[in-house]
N, C-alpha and C. Protein backbone atom coordinates (compact mmCIF):
# COMPACT_ATOMS: atom_id res chain seq x y z
N UNK A 1 0.82 -1.19 0.00
CA UNK A 1 0.00 0.00 0.00
C UNK A 1 0.86 1.25 0.00
N UNK A 2 1.98 1.21 0.69
CA UNK A 2 2.88 2.34 0.75
C UNK A 2 3.45 2.64 -0.64
N UNK A 3 3.70 1.60 -1.44
CA UNK A 3 4.25 1.77 -2.78
C UNK A 3 3.33 2.62 -3.65
N UNK A 4 2.04 2.37 -3.63
CA UNK A 4 1.12 3.14 -4.47
C UNK A 4 1.04 4.60 -4.01
N UNK A 5 1.18 4.84 -2.72
CA UNK A 5 1.16 6.22 -2.22
C UNK A 5 2.39 6.98 -2.71
N UNK A 6 3.55 6.32 -2.70
CA UNK A 6 4.78 6.95 -3.18
C UNK A 6 4.65 7.22 -4.68
N UNK A 7 4.11 6.26 -5.41
CA UNK A 7 3.93 6.43 -6.85
C UNK A 7 3.02 7.62 -7.14
N UNK A 8 1.95 7.76 -6.42
CA UNK A 8 1.02 8.88 -6.62
C UNK A 8 1.71 10.22 -6.38
N UNK A 9 2.48 10.30 -5.33
CA UNK A 9 3.20 11.54 -5.02
C UNK A 9 4.21 11.84 -6.12
N UNK A 10 4.96 10.83 -6.57
CA UNK A 10 5.94 11.03 -7.64
C UNK A 10 5.27 11.46 -8.94
N UNK A 11 4.17 10.84 -9.30
CA UNK A 11 3.45 11.21 -10.52
C UNK A 11 2.96 12.65 -10.43
N UNK A 12 2.47 13.05 -9.25
CA UNK A 12 1.99 14.41 -9.06
C UNK A 12 3.16 15.39 -9.17
N UNK A 13 4.29 15.07 -8.57
CA UNK A 13 5.48 15.93 -8.64
C UNK A 13 5.94 16.08 -10.08
N UNK A 14 5.98 14.97 -10.83
CA UNK A 14 6.38 15.03 -12.23
C UNK A 14 5.42 15.92 -13.02
N UNK A 15 4.13 15.75 -12.82
CA UNK A 15 3.13 16.58 -13.50
C UNK A 15 3.31 18.05 -13.16
N UNK A 16 3.56 18.34 -11.88
CA UNK A 16 3.77 19.73 -11.47
C UNK A 16 5.02 20.30 -12.11
N UNK A 17 6.10 19.51 -12.18
CA UNK A 17 7.34 19.97 -12.80
C UNK A 17 7.15 20.26 -14.28
N UNK A 18 6.36 19.46 -14.96
CA UNK A 18 6.10 19.70 -16.38
C UNK A 18 5.37 21.02 -16.57
N UNK A 19 4.44 21.31 -15.71
CA UNK A 19 3.71 22.56 -15.79
C UNK A 19 4.64 23.73 -15.58
N UNK A 20 5.52 23.61 -14.60
CA UNK A 20 6.45 24.68 -14.28
C UNK A 20 7.45 24.87 -15.41
N UNK A 21 7.92 23.77 -16.04
CA UNK A 21 8.94 23.88 -17.07
C UNK A 21 8.37 24.11 -18.47
N UNK A 22 7.07 24.29 -18.62
CA UNK A 22 6.49 24.56 -19.94
C UNK A 22 6.94 25.95 -20.39
N UNK A 23 7.90 25.96 -21.28
CA UNK A 23 8.49 27.22 -21.72
C UNK A 23 7.92 27.69 -23.05
N UNK A 24 7.52 26.76 -23.89
CA UNK A 24 6.99 27.11 -25.20
C UNK A 24 5.48 26.93 -25.19
N UNK A 25 4.77 27.99 -25.56
CA UNK A 25 3.31 27.95 -25.58
C UNK A 25 2.84 28.12 -27.02
N UNK A 26 1.99 27.22 -27.46
CA UNK A 26 1.44 27.28 -28.81
C UNK A 26 0.22 28.20 -28.84
N UNK A 27 0.13 29.06 -29.86
CA UNK A 27 -1.03 29.94 -29.99
C UNK A 27 -2.27 29.14 -30.40
N UNK A 28 -2.07 28.03 -31.12
CA UNK A 28 -3.15 27.09 -31.46
C UNK A 28 -2.53 25.71 -31.55
N UNK A 29 -3.29 24.71 -31.15
CA UNK A 29 -2.76 23.35 -31.12
C UNK A 29 -3.32 22.48 -32.24
N UNK A 30 -4.29 23.00 -32.98
CA UNK A 30 -4.84 22.22 -34.08
C UNK A 30 -5.33 23.16 -35.18
N UNK A 31 -5.42 22.59 -36.40
CA UNK A 31 -5.93 23.35 -37.53
C UNK A 31 -6.68 22.40 -38.45
N UNK A 32 -7.88 22.82 -38.86
CA UNK A 32 -8.71 22.05 -39.78
C UNK A 32 -8.68 22.73 -41.14
N UNK A 33 -8.13 22.05 -42.14
CA UNK A 33 -8.07 22.59 -43.50
C UNK A 33 -9.43 22.62 -44.17
N UNK A 34 -10.40 21.91 -43.61
CA UNK A 34 -11.71 21.81 -44.24
C UNK A 34 -11.62 20.90 -45.46
N UNK A 35 -12.38 21.23 -46.52
CA UNK A 35 -12.35 20.43 -47.74
C UNK A 35 -11.21 20.92 -48.63
N UNK A 36 -10.37 19.98 -49.05
CA UNK A 36 -9.26 20.33 -49.95
C UNK A 36 -9.24 19.36 -51.12
N UNK A 37 -8.86 19.85 -52.32
CA UNK A 37 -8.85 18.98 -53.49
C UNK A 37 -7.69 17.99 -53.47
N UNK A 38 -7.95 16.79 -53.93
CA UNK A 38 -6.93 15.76 -54.00
C UNK A 38 -5.81 16.22 -54.94
N UNK A 39 -4.57 15.95 -54.55
CA UNK A 39 -3.43 16.31 -55.39
C UNK A 39 -2.91 17.72 -55.18
N UNK A 40 -3.54 18.50 -54.30
CA UNK A 40 -3.10 19.86 -54.01
C UNK A 40 -2.53 19.92 -52.60
N UNK A 41 -1.20 19.99 -52.46
CA UNK A 41 -0.62 20.11 -51.11
C UNK A 41 -1.08 21.40 -50.44
N UNK A 42 -1.25 21.36 -49.13
CA UNK A 42 -1.67 22.53 -48.36
C UNK A 42 -0.69 22.74 -47.20
N UNK A 43 -0.63 23.98 -46.70
CA UNK A 43 0.24 24.29 -45.57
C UNK A 43 -0.50 25.17 -44.56
N UNK A 44 -0.02 25.11 -43.34
CA UNK A 44 -0.52 26.00 -42.28
C UNK A 44 0.67 26.34 -41.38
N UNK A 45 0.69 27.58 -40.89
CA UNK A 45 1.78 28.03 -40.03
C UNK A 45 1.26 28.13 -38.59
N UNK A 46 1.91 27.38 -37.70
CA UNK A 46 1.60 27.44 -36.28
C UNK A 46 2.60 28.37 -35.61
N UNK A 47 2.13 29.20 -34.69
CA UNK A 47 3.01 30.12 -33.95
C UNK A 47 3.20 29.62 -32.53
N UNK A 48 4.41 29.82 -32.03
CA UNK A 48 4.69 29.47 -30.64
C UNK A 48 5.50 30.59 -30.01
N UNK A 49 5.38 30.72 -28.69
CA UNK A 49 6.02 31.80 -27.95
C UNK A 49 6.88 31.21 -26.84
N UNK A 50 8.08 31.76 -26.68
CA UNK A 50 8.95 31.37 -25.57
C UNK A 50 8.54 32.20 -24.35
N UNK A 51 7.91 31.56 -23.38
CA UNK A 51 7.43 32.24 -22.18
C UNK A 51 8.46 32.23 -21.05
N UNK A 52 9.64 31.68 -21.30
CA UNK A 52 10.66 31.62 -20.25
C UNK A 52 11.56 32.86 -20.30
N UNK A 53 12.52 32.89 -19.41
CA UNK A 53 13.47 34.01 -19.39
C UNK A 53 14.82 33.60 -19.98
N UNK A 54 14.85 32.45 -20.72
CA UNK A 54 16.07 31.96 -21.36
C UNK A 54 15.76 31.56 -22.80
N UNK A 55 16.76 31.60 -23.68
CA UNK A 55 16.54 31.09 -25.05
C UNK A 55 16.15 29.61 -25.01
N UNK A 56 15.30 29.20 -25.93
CA UNK A 56 14.81 27.82 -25.98
C UNK A 56 15.02 27.29 -27.40
N UNK A 57 15.39 26.02 -27.48
CA UNK A 57 15.58 25.36 -28.79
C UNK A 57 14.51 24.29 -29.00
N UNK A 58 14.03 24.19 -30.23
CA UNK A 58 13.20 23.06 -30.60
C UNK A 58 14.18 21.96 -31.02
N UNK A 59 14.18 20.86 -30.28
CA UNK A 59 15.11 19.76 -30.59
C UNK A 59 14.69 19.03 -31.85
N UNK A 60 13.38 18.79 -31.99
CA UNK A 60 12.88 18.07 -33.16
C UNK A 60 11.39 18.32 -33.32
N UNK A 61 10.91 18.19 -34.54
CA UNK A 61 9.49 18.28 -34.84
C UNK A 61 9.18 17.07 -35.71
N UNK A 62 8.40 16.13 -35.16
CA UNK A 62 8.20 14.83 -35.78
C UNK A 62 6.77 14.63 -36.26
N UNK A 63 6.56 14.44 -37.57
CA UNK A 63 5.21 14.15 -38.08
C UNK A 63 4.85 12.69 -37.84
N UNK A 64 3.55 12.41 -37.82
CA UNK A 64 3.11 11.03 -37.59
C UNK A 64 3.20 10.18 -38.86
N UNK A 65 3.39 10.82 -40.02
CA UNK A 65 3.53 10.05 -41.26
C UNK A 65 4.31 10.87 -42.29
N UNK A 66 4.68 10.21 -43.38
CA UNK A 66 5.46 10.86 -44.43
C UNK A 66 4.68 11.86 -45.27
N UNK A 67 3.36 11.88 -45.15
CA UNK A 67 2.54 12.82 -45.93
C UNK A 67 2.50 14.20 -45.27
N UNK A 68 3.06 14.31 -44.08
CA UNK A 68 3.06 15.57 -43.32
C UNK A 68 4.51 16.03 -43.18
N UNK A 69 4.77 17.29 -43.56
CA UNK A 69 6.15 17.79 -43.52
C UNK A 69 6.24 19.09 -42.72
N UNK A 70 6.91 19.05 -41.58
CA UNK A 70 7.10 20.28 -40.80
C UNK A 70 8.40 20.99 -41.17
N UNK A 71 8.38 22.32 -41.12
CA UNK A 71 9.57 23.14 -41.31
C UNK A 71 9.65 24.09 -40.13
N UNK A 72 10.84 24.20 -39.50
CA UNK A 72 10.99 25.06 -38.34
C UNK A 72 12.42 25.58 -38.29
N UNK A 73 12.62 26.65 -37.55
CA UNK A 73 13.93 27.25 -37.40
C UNK A 73 14.75 26.46 -36.39
N UNK A 74 16.02 26.27 -36.71
CA UNK A 74 16.93 25.57 -35.79
C UNK A 74 17.61 26.58 -34.86
N UNK A 75 17.26 27.85 -34.99
CA UNK A 75 17.83 28.90 -34.14
C UNK A 75 17.11 28.94 -32.79
N UNK A 76 17.79 29.36 -31.72
CA UNK A 76 17.13 29.49 -30.41
C UNK A 76 16.02 30.54 -30.47
N UNK A 77 14.96 30.27 -29.75
CA UNK A 77 13.86 31.24 -29.63
C UNK A 77 14.15 32.07 -28.39
N UNK A 78 14.32 33.35 -28.57
CA UNK A 78 14.70 34.24 -27.46
C UNK A 78 13.52 34.43 -26.50
N UNK A 79 13.78 34.79 -25.25
CA UNK A 79 12.70 35.01 -24.28
C UNK A 79 11.67 36.01 -24.81
N UNK A 80 10.41 35.63 -24.74
CA UNK A 80 9.32 36.49 -25.20
C UNK A 80 9.13 36.52 -26.71
N UNK A 81 10.02 35.89 -27.45
CA UNK A 81 9.95 35.91 -28.91
C UNK A 81 9.00 34.85 -29.44
N UNK A 82 8.55 35.07 -30.67
CA UNK A 82 7.67 34.15 -31.36
C UNK A 82 8.44 33.45 -32.46
N UNK A 83 8.12 32.19 -32.69
CA UNK A 83 8.69 31.42 -33.78
C UNK A 83 7.54 30.70 -34.48
N UNK A 84 7.83 30.06 -35.60
CA UNK A 84 6.77 29.37 -36.33
C UNK A 84 7.20 27.97 -36.73
N UNK A 85 6.19 27.14 -36.93
CA UNK A 85 6.36 25.82 -37.52
C UNK A 85 5.39 25.75 -38.68
N UNK A 86 5.93 25.61 -39.88
CA UNK A 86 5.10 25.49 -41.08
C UNK A 86 4.87 24.00 -41.34
N UNK A 87 3.61 23.60 -41.39
CA UNK A 87 3.27 22.19 -41.57
C UNK A 87 2.59 22.04 -42.93
N UNK A 88 3.17 21.17 -43.76
CA UNK A 88 2.59 20.87 -45.06
C UNK A 88 1.94 19.50 -45.04
N UNK A 89 0.88 19.36 -45.83
CA UNK A 89 0.20 18.08 -45.96
C UNK A 89 0.02 17.78 -47.43
N UNK A 90 0.44 16.59 -47.86
CA UNK A 90 0.29 16.16 -49.24
C UNK A 90 -1.07 15.47 -49.37
N UNK A 91 -2.01 16.14 -49.99
CA UNK A 91 -3.39 15.65 -50.09
C UNK A 91 -3.52 14.65 -51.24
N UNK A 92 -2.76 13.58 -51.20
CA UNK A 92 -2.76 12.60 -52.29
C UNK A 92 -3.90 11.59 -52.17
N UNK A 93 -4.32 11.32 -50.94
CA UNK A 93 -5.33 10.28 -50.72
C UNK A 93 -6.67 10.89 -50.36
N UNK A 94 -7.71 10.42 -51.04
CA UNK A 94 -9.06 10.92 -50.80
C UNK A 94 -9.56 10.48 -49.42
N UNK A 95 -10.34 11.36 -48.77
CA UNK A 95 -10.96 11.00 -47.50
C UNK A 95 -10.59 11.92 -46.36
N UNK A 96 -11.17 11.62 -45.20
CA UNK A 96 -10.95 12.40 -43.99
C UNK A 96 -9.58 12.03 -43.42
N UNK A 97 -8.84 13.03 -42.92
CA UNK A 97 -7.55 12.75 -42.30
C UNK A 97 -7.38 13.56 -41.02
N UNK A 98 -6.55 13.04 -40.14
CA UNK A 98 -6.13 13.71 -38.91
C UNK A 98 -4.71 13.25 -38.63
N UNK A 99 -3.77 14.18 -38.63
CA UNK A 99 -2.36 13.85 -38.46
C UNK A 99 -1.79 14.66 -37.30
N UNK A 100 -0.89 14.03 -36.55
CA UNK A 100 -0.27 14.71 -35.41
C UNK A 100 1.19 15.02 -35.72
N UNK A 101 1.68 16.07 -35.09
CA UNK A 101 3.07 16.50 -35.19
C UNK A 101 3.55 16.71 -33.76
N UNK A 102 4.61 16.01 -33.37
CA UNK A 102 5.14 16.11 -32.01
C UNK A 102 6.31 17.07 -32.00
N UNK A 103 6.26 18.04 -31.09
CA UNK A 103 7.32 19.03 -30.94
C UNK A 103 8.11 18.67 -29.69
N UNK A 104 9.42 18.47 -29.86
CA UNK A 104 10.29 18.17 -28.73
C UNK A 104 11.13 19.42 -28.44
N UNK A 105 10.91 19.98 -27.25
CA UNK A 105 11.60 21.20 -26.83
C UNK A 105 12.75 20.80 -25.92
N UNK A 106 13.90 21.47 -26.07
CA UNK A 106 15.04 21.19 -25.18
C UNK A 106 14.58 21.33 -23.74
N UNK A 107 15.01 20.42 -22.90
CA UNK A 107 14.60 20.43 -21.51
C UNK A 107 13.50 19.44 -21.22
N UNK A 108 13.05 18.70 -22.23
CA UNK A 108 12.09 17.64 -22.01
C UNK A 108 10.63 17.96 -22.28
N UNK A 109 10.30 19.20 -22.59
CA UNK A 109 8.90 19.53 -22.86
C UNK A 109 8.49 18.95 -24.22
N UNK A 110 7.29 18.39 -24.28
CA UNK A 110 6.73 17.84 -25.51
C UNK A 110 5.37 18.45 -25.74
N UNK A 111 5.12 18.91 -26.96
CA UNK A 111 3.83 19.47 -27.35
C UNK A 111 3.35 18.71 -28.59
N UNK A 112 2.05 18.70 -28.83
CA UNK A 112 1.51 18.03 -30.00
C UNK A 112 0.59 18.97 -30.77
N UNK A 113 0.79 19.00 -32.08
CA UNK A 113 -0.08 19.73 -33.00
C UNK A 113 -0.91 18.70 -33.75
N UNK A 114 -2.09 19.12 -34.23
CA UNK A 114 -2.93 18.23 -35.02
C UNK A 114 -3.45 19.01 -36.22
N UNK A 115 -3.32 18.42 -37.42
CA UNK A 115 -3.95 18.97 -38.61
C UNK A 115 -5.00 17.97 -39.08
N UNK A 116 -6.06 18.48 -39.65
CA UNK A 116 -7.13 17.61 -40.11
C UNK A 116 -7.81 18.22 -41.32
N UNK A 117 -8.65 17.45 -41.96
CA UNK A 117 -9.39 17.94 -43.11
C UNK A 117 -10.06 16.79 -43.84
N UNK A 118 -10.58 17.12 -45.01
CA UNK A 118 -11.27 16.14 -45.84
C UNK A 118 -10.84 16.37 -47.29
N UNK A 119 -10.13 15.40 -47.85
CA UNK A 119 -9.65 15.49 -49.22
C UNK A 119 -10.72 14.92 -50.15
N UNK A 120 -11.13 15.73 -51.14
CA UNK A 120 -12.13 15.25 -52.09
C UNK A 120 -11.48 14.99 -53.44
N UNK A 121 -12.05 14.05 -54.17
CA UNK A 121 -11.52 13.65 -55.47
C UNK A 121 -11.76 14.75 -56.48
N UNK A 122 -10.75 15.03 -57.27
CA UNK A 122 -10.89 16.01 -58.35
C UNK A 122 -11.06 15.27 -59.66
N UNK A 123 -11.54 15.97 -60.67
CA UNK A 123 -11.75 15.37 -61.99
C UNK A 123 -10.40 14.89 -62.54
N UNK A 124 -10.42 13.73 -63.19
CA UNK A 124 -9.19 13.16 -63.74
C UNK A 124 -8.69 13.95 -64.95
N UNK A 125 -9.61 14.57 -65.68
CA UNK A 125 -9.24 15.36 -66.86
C UNK A 125 -9.86 16.74 -66.75
N UNK A 126 -9.43 17.63 -67.64
CA UNK A 126 -10.01 18.96 -67.64
C UNK A 126 -11.41 18.90 -68.24
N UNK A 127 -12.14 19.98 -68.13
CA UNK A 127 -13.52 20.04 -68.64
C UNK A 127 -13.51 19.85 -70.16
N UNK A 128 -14.55 19.21 -70.70
CA UNK A 128 -14.61 19.00 -72.15
C UNK A 128 -14.75 20.33 -72.89
N UNK A 129 -14.31 20.34 -74.14
CA UNK A 129 -14.41 21.53 -74.97
C UNK A 129 -15.87 21.86 -75.22
N UNK A 130 -16.24 23.11 -75.07
CA UNK A 130 -17.61 23.56 -75.29
C UNK A 130 -17.74 23.98 -76.75
N UNK A 131 -18.44 23.17 -77.54
CA UNK A 131 -18.58 23.44 -78.97
C UNK A 131 -19.37 24.72 -79.23
N UNK A 132 -20.19 25.14 -78.31
CA UNK A 132 -20.97 26.38 -78.48
C UNK A 132 -20.05 27.58 -78.58
N UNK A 133 -18.95 27.56 -77.85
CA UNK A 133 -17.98 28.66 -77.91
C UNK A 133 -17.37 28.78 -79.29
N UNK A 134 -17.09 27.64 -79.93
CA UNK A 134 -16.52 27.65 -81.27
C UNK A 134 -17.51 28.26 -82.25
N UNK A 135 -18.78 27.92 -82.12
CA UNK A 135 -19.81 28.49 -83.00
C UNK A 135 -19.91 30.00 -82.82
N UNK A 136 -19.86 30.47 -81.58
CA UNK A 136 -19.96 31.89 -81.31
C UNK A 136 -18.75 32.65 -81.86
N UNK A 137 -17.58 32.06 -81.77
CA UNK A 137 -16.36 32.71 -82.26
C UNK A 137 -16.38 32.84 -83.78
N UNK A 138 -16.99 31.85 -84.47
CA UNK A 138 -17.04 31.87 -85.93
C UNK A 138 -18.11 32.80 -86.48
N UNK A 139 -19.03 33.24 -85.68
CA UNK A 139 -20.10 34.12 -86.17
C UNK A 139 -19.74 35.56 -86.02
């Protein structure tokens, strides 16, 4: 019984430390692209702020799959400064999607972004030639 009490206290202490050490704050944690055409890559820029009094580095930004591509600065984010993470999504597959991007901040902080949307099928070919236009041009 004593073991579970120690575990509870340790888990609470760890949770409290994570709250205290949260240095990077995201202005938004998710973005819905809505309906997007198949074959058209889309991007969204997420903003984050360094709320600490020291420069902070993003160690890594990891997408959940190869269809999602994050771009971020490898430079330290100065205290109070804003930085961005540009997330691209290759809308190659038709249907609803939800993808996560894990942000690893130096010092052990981890944040998660989510992008979502619905990719719809586009026409395989361009619109057929309108013969009425040809008749009008010839008159």
